[in-house]
Amino acid sequence: MDDQVSAGADAAKYRTRDALILAFTLFFPALMTWGYFVYGASLKPELSKYIFGFGKTLQFAFPAIVAAFVLKERVWIRRPNCRGLLVGGLFGLAVGATIFFLGRHIIAADNSLTPLFDRLRAELLERLEPFGLASRGAFLVVCLFYSVFHSGLEEYYWRWFAFRRVSQKTAWLRAAILTNLAFTLHHVILLGVYFGYSNWLTWFASFGVFVGGMVWQTIYRRADSVYGAWLSHGLIDAGIFAVGFLLLP
């Protein structure tokens, strides 16, 4: 009887532990985005910069630390392989190019969105200046970093860790939807800051983020590798940052 009680207590402890890990994994990025872009907007730029740096470091260190020291899993980097690269690359090129050419057309055209892009230009420069990144050369470095490295870190975080953990608890499609709702949430906050929550662009772009995440989730599941999703994610980020580059003076 004592053994059964002990086993039941251990099982409850592990369920609580796993629930806390999943809750942090799914919702910390949204909390961090709110902390920097909403709460941090009222702080000194130097302080909000440190909040952003600390938040990103904690986010991307968390899966590896938890997997190695809490879950006692083996953590290793697989060799690059070609599984999923073709599909991921084609999807990324198509979406990234569409974002760039559509954004360039909207910026160049004199229409109802012109005041919005003028405000975005001012806000973009305001965000970049504290980091010393308001020049075109520095912004290009940021573009390369996010397109190459940050996209890979997000795939490791959302696909390798978050989706993999959730899919151990429920069916893969349900896990994919839940994970991508969380993945989309911090983009909703970010887009709402720039476009406004009543602007259709915020929700259209957020829906695009959700669809993109579902595609990357499917690529990851079928290829059992993050490399195809990473390539696709990076190409789309490059298209987004290329539009931002056009906004610089």
C-alpha atoms as a PDB file:
ATOM      1  CA  MET A   1       0.000   0.000   0.000  1.00  0.00           C
ATOM      2  CA  ASP A   2       2.826   2.376   0.922  1.00  0.00           C
ATOM      3  CA  ASP A   3       4.502   1.644  -2.418  1.00  0.00           C
ATOM      4  CA  GLN A   4       1.289   2.481  -4.277  1.00  0.00           C
ATOM      5  CA  VAL A   5       0.902   5.742  -2.375  1.00  0.00           C
ATOM      6  CA  SER A   6       4.529   6.622  -3.079  1.00  0.00           C
ATOM      7  CA  ALA A   7       4.142   5.780  -6.786  1.00  0.00           C
ATOM      8  CA  GLY A   8       0.994   7.904  -6.966  1.00  0.00           C
ATOM      9  CA  ALA A   9       2.761  10.825  -5.293  1.00  0.00           C
ATOM     10  CA  ASP A  10       5.694  10.531  -7.692  1.00  0.00           C
ATOM     11  CA  ALA A  11       3.363  10.442 -10.689  1.00  0.00           C
ATOM     12  CA  ALA A  12       1.546  13.562  -9.449  1.00  0.00           C
ATOM     13  CA  LYS A  13       4.875  15.302  -8.897  1.00  0.00           C
ATOM     14  CA  TYR A  14       6.027  14.504 -12.433  1.00  0.00           C
ATOM     15  CA  ARG A  15       2.704  15.653 -13.909  1.00  0.00           C
ATOM     16  CA  THR A  16       3.014  18.956 -12.064  1.00  0.00           C
ATOM     17  CA  ARG A  17       6.615  19.324 -13.209  1.00  0.00           C
ATOM     18  CA  ASP A  18       5.734  18.642 -16.846  1.00  0.00           C
ATOM     19  CA  ALA A  19       2.766  21.029 -16.710  1.00  0.00           C
ATOM     20  CA  LEU A  20       4.974  23.830 -15.362  1.00  0.00           C
ATOM     21  CA  ILE A  21       7.614  23.169 -18.035  1.00  0.00           C
ATOM     22  CA  LEU A  22       5.009  23.273 -20.807  1.00  0.00           C
ATOM     23  CA  ALA A  23       3.354  26.398 -19.401  1.00  0.00           C
ATOM     24  CA  PHE A  24       6.666  28.252 -19.280  1.00  0.00           C
ATOM     25  CA  THR A  25       7.678  27.015 -22.731  1.00  0.00           C
ATOM     26  CA  LEU A  26       4.422  28.020 -24.404  1.00  0.00           C
ATOM     27  CA  PHE A  27       3.804  31.375 -22.740  1.00  0.00           C
ATOM     28  CA  PHE A  28       7.171  32.853 -21.758  1.00  0.00           C
ATOM     29  CA  PRO A  29       7.892  34.195 -25.301  1.00  0.00           C
ATOM     30  CA  ALA A  30       4.606  36.134 -25.226  1.00  0.00           C
ATOM     31  CA  LEU A  31       5.378  37.478 -21.747  1.00  0.00           C
ATOM     32  CA  MET A  32       8.864  38.506 -22.855  1.00  0.00           C
ATOM     33  CA  THR A  33       7.491  40.221 -25.986  1.00  0.00           C
ATOM     34  CA  TRP A  34       4.985  42.126 -23.872  1.00  0.00           C
ATOM     35  CA  GLY A  35       7.734  43.058 -21.403  1.00  0.00           C
ATOM     36  CA  TYR A  36       9.941  44.568 -24.095  1.00  0.00           C
ATOM     37  CA  PHE A  37       7.526  46.041 -26.619  1.00  0.00           C
ATOM     38  CA  VAL A  38       4.686  47.132 -24.295  1.00  0.00           C
ATOM     39  CA  TYR A  39       5.930  47.517 -20.714  1.00  0.00           C
ATOM     40  CA  GLY A  40       9.479  48.308 -21.843  1.00  0.00           C
ATOM     41  CA  ALA A  41       8.267  51.178 -24.027  1.00  0.00           C
ATOM     42  CA  SER A  42       7.918  53.294 -20.868  1.00  0.00           C
ATOM     43  CA  LEU A  43      11.404  52.428 -19.615  1.00  0.00           C
ATOM     44  CA  LYS A  44      14.755  53.883 -20.517  1.00  0.00           C
ATOM     45  CA  PRO A  45      16.051  52.369 -23.802  1.00  0.00           C
ATOM     46  CA  GLU A  46      19.143  50.976 -22.045  1.00  0.00           C
ATOM     47  CA  LEU A  47      17.017  49.120 -19.486  1.00  0.00           C
ATOM     48  CA  SER A  48      14.549  47.714 -22.016  1.00  0.00           C
ATOM     49  CA  LYS A  49      17.534  46.567 -24.085  1.00  0.00           C
ATOM     50  CA  TYR A  50      18.796  44.488 -21.147  1.00  0.00           C
ATOM     51  CA  ILE A  51      15.317  43.073 -20.562  1.00  0.00           C
ATOM     52  CA  PHE A  52      15.235  41.931 -24.179  1.00  0.00           C
ATOM     53  CA  GLY A  53      18.715  40.390 -24.014  1.00  0.00           C
ATOM     54  CA  PHE A  54      18.025  38.570 -20.749  1.00  0.00           C
ATOM     55  CA  GLY A  55      14.664  37.307 -21.998  1.00  0.00           C
ATOM     56  CA  LYS A  56      16.087  35.909 -25.226  1.00  0.00           C
ATOM     57  CA  THR A  57      18.968  34.228 -23.408  1.00  0.00           C
ATOM     58  CA  LEU A  58      16.598  32.613 -20.902  1.00  0.00           C
ATOM     59  CA  GLN A  59      14.189  31.502 -23.632  1.00  0.00           C
ATOM     60  CA  PHE A  60      16.753  29.707 -25.737  1.00  0.00           C
ATOM     61  CA  ALA A  61      18.777  28.291 -22.838  1.00  0.00           C
ATOM     62  CA  PHE A  62      15.690  26.876 -21.113  1.00  0.00           C
ATOM     63  CA  PRO A  63      15.020  23.831 -23.378  1.00  0.00           C
ATOM     64  CA  ALA A  64      18.602  22.571 -23.321  1.00  0.00           C
ATOM     65  CA  ILE A  65      18.957  23.051 -19.545  1.00  0.00           C
ATOM     66  CA  VAL A  66      15.608  21.428 -18.766  1.00  0.00           C
ATOM     67  CA  ALA A  67      16.173  18.536 -21.162  1.00  0.00           C
ATOM     68  CA  ALA A  68      19.662  17.804 -19.809  1.00  0.00           C
ATOM     69  CA  PHE A  69      19.293  18.411 -16.077  1.00  0.00           C
ATOM     70  CA  VAL A  70      15.580  18.031 -15.277  1.00  0.00           C
ATOM     71  CA  LEU A  71      14.261  15.524 -17.807  1.00  0.00           C
ATOM     72  CA  LYS A  72      17.625  13.723 -17.980  1.00  0.00           C
ATOM     73  CA  GLU A  73      17.461  13.461 -21.760  1.00  0.00           C
ATOM     74  CA  ARG A  74      20.422  13.271 -24.071  1.00  0.00           C
ATOM     75  CA  VAL A  75      20.912  16.606 -25.847  1.00  0.00           C
ATOM     76  CA  TRP A  76      22.890  16.589 -29.062  1.00  0.00           C
ATOM     77  CA  ILE A  77      23.097  18.393 -32.396  1.00  0.00           C
ATOM     78  CA  ARG A  78      22.321  16.172 -35.340  1.00  0.00           C
ATOM     79  CA  ARG A  79      24.311  16.377 -38.514  1.00  0.00           C
ATOM     80  CA  PRO A  80      22.593  18.386 -41.252  1.00  0.00           C
ATOM     81  CA  ASN A  81      20.590  16.243 -43.652  1.00  0.00           C
ATOM     82  CA  CYS A  82      18.516  16.853 -46.772  1.00  0.00           C
ATOM     83  CA  ARG A  83      15.182  15.657 -45.400  1.00  0.00           C
ATOM     84  CA  GLY A  84      12.620  18.420 -45.715  1.00  0.00           C
ATOM     85  CA  LEU A  85      15.016  20.898 -47.323  1.00  0.00           C
ATOM     86  CA  LEU A  86      13.354  20.928 -50.748  1.00  0.00           C
ATOM     87  CA  VAL A  87       9.818  21.481 -49.448  1.00  0.00           C
ATOM     88  CA  GLY A  88      11.005  23.920 -46.813  1.00  0.00           C
ATOM     89  CA  GLY A  89      13.160  25.839 -49.254  1.00  0.00           C
ATOM     90  CA  LEU A  90      10.424  26.168 -51.884  1.00  0.00           C
ATOM     91  CA  PHE A  91       7.840  27.264 -49.317  1.00  0.00           C
ATOM     92  CA  GLY A  92      10.252  29.752 -47.762  1.00  0.00           C
ATOM     93  CA  LEU A  93      11.258  31.226 -51.112  1.00  0.00           C
ATOM     94  CA  ALA A  94       7.649  31.603 -52.263  1.00  0.00           C
ATOM     95  CA  VAL A  95       6.427  33.263 -49.057  1.00  0.00           C
ATOM     96  CA  GLY A  96       9.563  35.360 -48.497  1.00  0.00           C
ATOM     97  CA  ALA A  97       9.501  36.708 -52.063  1.00  0.00           C
ATOM     98  CA  THR A  98       5.770  37.448 -51.823  1.00  0.00           C
ATOM     99  CA  ILE A  99       6.276  39.408 -48.589  1.00  0.00           C
ATOM    100  CA  PHE A 100       9.156  41.407 -50.059  1.00  0.00           C
ATOM    101  CA  PHE A 101       7.554  42.327 -53.390  1.00  0.00           C
ATOM    102  CA  LEU A 102       4.181  43.071 -51.811  1.00  0.00           C
ATOM    103  CA  GLY A 103       5.829  45.200 -49.128  1.00  0.00           C
ATOM    104  CA  ARG A 104       7.936  47.055 -51.683  1.00  0.00           C
ATOM    105  CA  HIS A 105       4.850  47.781 -53.776  1.00  0.00           C
ATOM    106  CA  ILE A 106       2.895  49.095 -50.781  1.00  0.00           C
ATOM    107  CA  ILE A 107       5.789  51.295 -49.612  1.00  0.00           C
ATOM    108  CA  ALA A 108       6.311  52.750 -53.104  1.00  0.00           C
ATOM    109  CA  ALA A 109       2.612  53.382 -53.751  1.00  0.00           C
ATOM    110  CA  ASP A 110       0.919  56.506 -52.415  1.00  0.00           C
ATOM    111  CA  ASN A 111      -2.176  55.045 -50.765  1.00  0.00           C
ATOM    112  CA  SER A 112      -4.032  54.822 -47.469  1.00  0.00           C
ATOM    113  CA  LEU A 113      -1.234  52.732 -45.930  1.00  0.00           C
ATOM    114  CA  THR A 114       1.432  55.412 -46.526  1.00  0.00           C
ATOM    115  CA  PRO A 115       0.893  57.110 -43.108  1.00  0.00           C
ATOM    116  CA  LEU A 116       1.191  53.704 -41.431  1.00  0.00           C
ATOM    117  CA  PHE A 117       4.527  52.962 -43.084  1.00  0.00           C
ATOM    118  CA  ASP A 118       5.781  56.464 -42.275  1.00  0.00           C
ATOM    119  CA  ARG A 119       5.006  55.776 -38.605  1.00  0.00           C
ATOM    120  CA  LEU A 120       6.606  52.327 -38.829  1.00  0.00           C
ATOM    121  CA  ARG A 121       9.755  53.924 -40.233  1.00  0.00           C
ATOM    122  CA  ALA A 122       9.964  56.298 -37.268  1.00  0.00           C
ATOM    123  CA  GLU A 123       9.289  53.500 -34.737  1.00  0.00           C
ATOM    124  CA  LEU A 124      11.794  51.175 -36.400  1.00  0.00           C
ATOM    125  CA  LEU A 125      14.535  53.804 -36.152  1.00  0.00           C
ATOM    126  CA  GLU A 126      13.571  54.504 -32.539  1.00  0.00           C
ATOM    127  CA  ARG A 127      13.940  50.803 -31.714  1.00  0.00           C
ATOM    128  CA  LEU A 128      17.233  50.414 -33.558  1.00  0.00           C
ATOM    129  CA  GLU A 129      19.063  53.516 -32.375  1.00  0.00           C
ATOM    130  CA  PRO A 130      19.660  52.351 -28.737  1.00  0.00           C
ATOM    131  CA  PHE A 131      21.363  49.269 -30.162  1.00  0.00           C
ATOM    132  CA  GLY A 132      23.424  51.310 -32.654  1.00  0.00           C
ATOM    133  CA  LEU A 133      21.690  49.523 -35.549  1.00  0.00           C
ATOM    134  CA  ALA A 134      19.941  52.393 -37.341  1.00  0.00           C
ATOM    135  CA  SER A 135      22.333  52.386 -40.311  1.00  0.00           C
ATOM    136  CA  ARG A 136      21.796  50.213 -43.376  1.00  0.00           C
ATOM    137  CA  GLY A 137      25.014  48.281 -42.830  1.00  0.00           C
ATOM    138  CA  ALA A 138      24.204  47.473 -39.203  1.00  0.00           C
ATOM    139  CA  PHE A 139      20.629  46.545 -40.095  1.00  0.00           C
ATOM    140  CA  LEU A 140      21.944  44.129 -42.721  1.00  0.00           C
ATOM    141  CA  VAL A 141      23.916  42.378 -39.971  1.00  0.00           C
ATOM    142  CA  VAL A 142      20.713  42.136 -37.905  1.00  0.00           C
ATOM    143  CA  CYS A 143      18.905  40.698 -40.925  1.00  0.00           C
ATOM    144  CA  LEU A 144      21.576  38.032 -41.382  1.00  0.00           C
ATOM    145  CA  PHE A 145      21.570  37.176 -37.677  1.00  0.00           C
ATOM    146  CA  TYR A 146      17.802  36.728 -37.488  1.00  0.00           C
ATOM    147  CA  SER A 147      17.505  34.936 -40.832  1.00  0.00           C
ATOM    148  CA  VAL A 148      20.358  32.501 -40.176  1.00  0.00           C
ATOM    149  CA  PHE A 149      20.727  32.052 -36.408  1.00  0.00           C
ATOM    150  CA  HIS A 150      17.574  33.300 -34.697  1.00  0.00           C
ATOM    151  CA  SER A 151      15.315  31.322 -37.058  1.00  0.00           C
ATOM    152  CA  GLY A 152      17.268  28.179 -36.156  1.00  0.00           C
ATOM    153  CA  LEU A 153      16.958  28.904 -32.439  1.00  0.00           C
ATOM    154  CA  GLU A 154      13.200  29.386 -32.814  1.00  0.00           C
ATOM    155  CA  GLU A 155      12.871  26.079 -34.638  1.00  0.00           C
ATOM    156  CA  TYR A 156      14.876  24.339 -31.909  1.00  0.00           C
ATOM    157  CA  TYR A 157      12.627  25.985 -29.306  1.00  0.00           C
ATOM    158  CA  TRP A 158       9.213  25.578 -30.926  1.00  0.00           C
ATOM    159  CA  ARG A 159       9.606  22.419 -32.991  1.00  0.00           C
ATOM    160  CA  TRP A 160      12.287  20.332 -31.270  1.00  0.00           C
ATOM    161  CA  PHE A 161      11.269  21.158 -27.691  1.00  0.00           C
ATOM    162  CA  ALA A 162       7.765  22.638 -27.450  1.00  0.00           C
ATOM    163  CA  PHE A 163       6.020  20.548 -30.120  1.00  0.00           C
ATOM    164  CA  ARG A 164       7.916  17.391 -29.164  1.00  0.00           C
ATOM    165  CA  ARG A 165       6.934  17.769 -25.507  1.00  0.00           C
ATOM    166  CA  VAL A 166       3.267  18.546 -26.225  1.00  0.00           C
ATOM    167  CA  SER A 167       2.990  15.713 -28.775  1.00  0.00           C
ATOM    168  CA  GLN A 168       4.018  13.268 -26.046  1.00  0.00           C
ATOM    169  CA  LYS A 169       0.822  14.197 -24.201  1.00  0.00           C
ATOM    170  CA  THR A 170      -1.700  14.338 -27.038  1.00  0.00           C
ATOM    171  CA  ALA A 171      -2.268  13.589 -30.746  1.00  0.00           C
ATOM    172  CA  TRP A 172       0.166  15.289 -33.105  1.00  0.00           C
ATOM    173  CA  LEU A 173      -2.411  17.530 -34.829  1.00  0.00           C
ATOM    174  CA  ARG A 174      -3.763  18.787 -31.518  1.00  0.00           C
ATOM    175  CA  ALA A 175      -0.195  19.301 -30.325  1.00  0.00           C
ATOM    176  CA  ALA A 176       0.653  21.195 -33.512  1.00  0.00           C
ATOM    177  CA  ILE A 177      -2.362  23.508 -33.158  1.00  0.00           C
ATOM    178  CA  LEU A 178      -1.699  24.195 -29.465  1.00  0.00           C
ATOM    179  CA  THR A 179       2.005  24.838 -30.021  1.00  0.00           C
ATOM    180  CA  ASN A 180       1.361  27.152 -32.956  1.00  0.00           C
ATOM    181  CA  LEU A 181      -1.289  29.129 -31.107  1.00  0.00           C
ATOM    182  CA  ALA A 182       1.394  29.870 -28.515  1.00  0.00           C
ATOM    183  CA  PHE A 183       3.935  30.556 -31.278  1.00  0.00           C
ATOM    184  CA  THR A 184       1.493  32.987 -32.896  1.00  0.00           C
ATOM    185  CA  LEU A 185       0.595  34.733 -29.625  1.00  0.00           C
ATOM    186  CA  HIS A 186       3.857  36.634 -29.224  1.00  0.00           C
ATOM    187  CA  HIS A 187       3.658  37.683 -32.884  1.00  0.00           C
ATOM    188  CA  VAL A 188       0.155  39.062 -32.259  1.00  0.00           C
ATOM    189  CA  ILE A 189       1.586  41.251 -29.480  1.00  0.00           C
ATOM    190  CA  LEU A 190       4.471  42.408 -31.678  1.00  0.00           C
ATOM    191  CA  LEU A 191       2.290  43.121 -34.710  1.00  0.00           C
ATOM    192  CA  GLY A 192      -0.299  44.861 -32.557  1.00  0.00           C
ATOM    193  CA  VAL A 193       2.342  47.251 -31.246  1.00  0.00           C
ATOM    194  CA  TYR A 194       3.329  48.299 -34.762  1.00  0.00           C
ATOM    195  CA  PHE A 195       0.083  48.027 -36.737  1.00  0.00           C
ATOM    196  CA  GLY A 196      -2.518  48.364 -33.977  1.00  0.00           C
ATOM    197  CA  TYR A 197      -4.864  45.646 -32.740  1.00  0.00           C
ATOM    198  CA  SER A 198      -7.779  47.036 -34.736  1.00  0.00           C
ATOM    199  CA  ASN A 199      -5.810  46.929 -37.984  1.00  0.00           C
ATOM    200  CA  TRP A 200      -6.612  44.015 -40.303  1.00  0.00           C
ATOM    201  CA  LEU A 201      -2.898  43.706 -41.132  1.00  0.00           C
ATOM    202  CA  THR A 202      -2.202  42.547 -37.568  1.00  0.00           C
ATOM    203  CA  TRP A 203      -4.634  39.646 -37.806  1.00  0.00           C
ATOM    204  CA  PHE A 204      -3.864  38.802 -41.425  1.00  0.00           C
ATOM    205  CA  ALA A 205      -0.145  38.600 -40.663  1.00  0.00           C
ATOM    206  CA  SER A 206      -0.824  36.657 -37.443  1.00  0.00           C
ATOM    207  CA  PHE A 207      -2.870  34.122 -39.395  1.00  0.00           C
ATOM    208  CA  GLY A 208       0.056  33.843 -41.809  1.00  0.00           C
ATOM    209  CA  VAL A 209       2.384  33.151 -38.865  1.00  0.00           C
ATOM    210  CA  PHE A 210       0.061  30.390 -37.668  1.00  0.00           C
ATOM    211  CA  VAL A 211      -0.132  28.790 -41.117  1.00  0.00           C
ATOM    212  CA  GLY A 212       3.639  29.027 -41.518  1.00  0.00           C
ATOM    213  CA  GLY A 213       4.134  27.397 -38.130  1.00  0.00           C
ATOM    214  CA  MET A 214       1.825  24.531 -39.091  1.00  0.00           C
ATOM    215  CA  VAL A 215       3.807  23.995 -42.290  1.00  0.00           C
ATOM    216  CA  TRP A 216       7.089  23.948 -40.363  1.00  0.00           C
ATOM    217  CA  GLN A 217       5.556  21.596 -37.813  1.00  0.00           C
ATOM    218  CA  THR A 218       4.563  19.205 -40.603  1.00  0.00           C
ATOM    219  CA  ILE A 219       8.013  19.390 -42.192  1.00  0.00           C
ATOM    220  CA  TYR A 220       9.642  18.698 -38.825  1.00  0.00           C
ATOM    221  CA  ARG A 221       7.363  15.746 -38.093  1.00  0.00           C
ATOM    222  CA  ARG A 222       7.864  14.102 -41.472  1.00  0.00           C
ATOM    223  CA  ALA A 223      11.593  14.730 -41.700  1.00  0.00           C
ATOM    224  CA  ASP A 224      12.312  14.192 -37.988  1.00  0.00           C
ATOM    225  CA  SER A 225      14.722  17.107 -38.368  1.00  0.00           C
ATOM    226  CA  VAL A 226      14.600  20.886 -37.866  1.00  0.00           C
ATOM    227  CA  TYR A 227      16.779  21.717 -40.884  1.00  0.00           C
ATOM    228  CA  GLY A 228      13.995  21.950 -43.480  1.00  0.00           C
ATOM    229  CA  ALA A 229      11.831  24.093 -41.203  1.00  0.00           C
ATOM    230  CA  TRP A 230      14.900  26.190 -40.294  1.00  0.00           C
ATOM    231  CA  LEU A 231      15.667  26.895 -43.967  1.00  0.00           C
ATOM    232  CA  SER A 232      12.041  27.827 -44.648  1.00  0.00           C
ATOM    233  CA  HIS A 233      11.815  30.039 -41.540  1.00  0.00           C
ATOM    234  CA  GLY A 234      15.064  31.796 -42.401  1.00  0.00           C
ATOM    235  CA  LEU A 235      14.015  32.606 -45.968  1.00  0.00           C
ATOM    236  CA  ILE A 236      10.728  34.098 -44.788  1.00  0.00           C
ATOM    237  CA  ASP A 237      12.491  36.149 -42.105  1.00  0.00           C
ATOM    238  CA  ALA A 238      14.859  37.424 -44.810  1.00  0.00           C
ATOM    239  CA  GLY A 239      11.856  38.621 -46.842  1.00  0.00           C
ATOM    240  CA  ILE A 240      10.431  40.430 -43.795  1.00  0.00           C
ATOM    241  CA  PHE A 241      13.720  42.108 -42.934  1.00  0.00           C
ATOM    242  CA  ALA A 242      14.197  43.092 -46.573  1.00  0.00           C
ATOM    243  CA  VAL A 243      10.981  45.121 -46.277  1.00  0.00           C
ATOM    244  CA  GLY A 244      12.350  46.690 -43.087  1.00  0.00           C
ATOM    245  CA  PHE A 245      15.550  47.543 -44.967  1.00  0.00           C
ATOM    246  CA  LEU A 246      13.479  49.505 -47.483  1.00  0.00           C
ATOM    247  CA  LEU A 247      12.067  51.601 -44.634  1.00  0.00           C
ATOM    248  CA  LEU A 248      15.498  52.851 -43.573  1.00  0.00           C
ATOM    249  CA  PRO A 249      16.520  56.341 -44.757  1.00  0.00           C
END
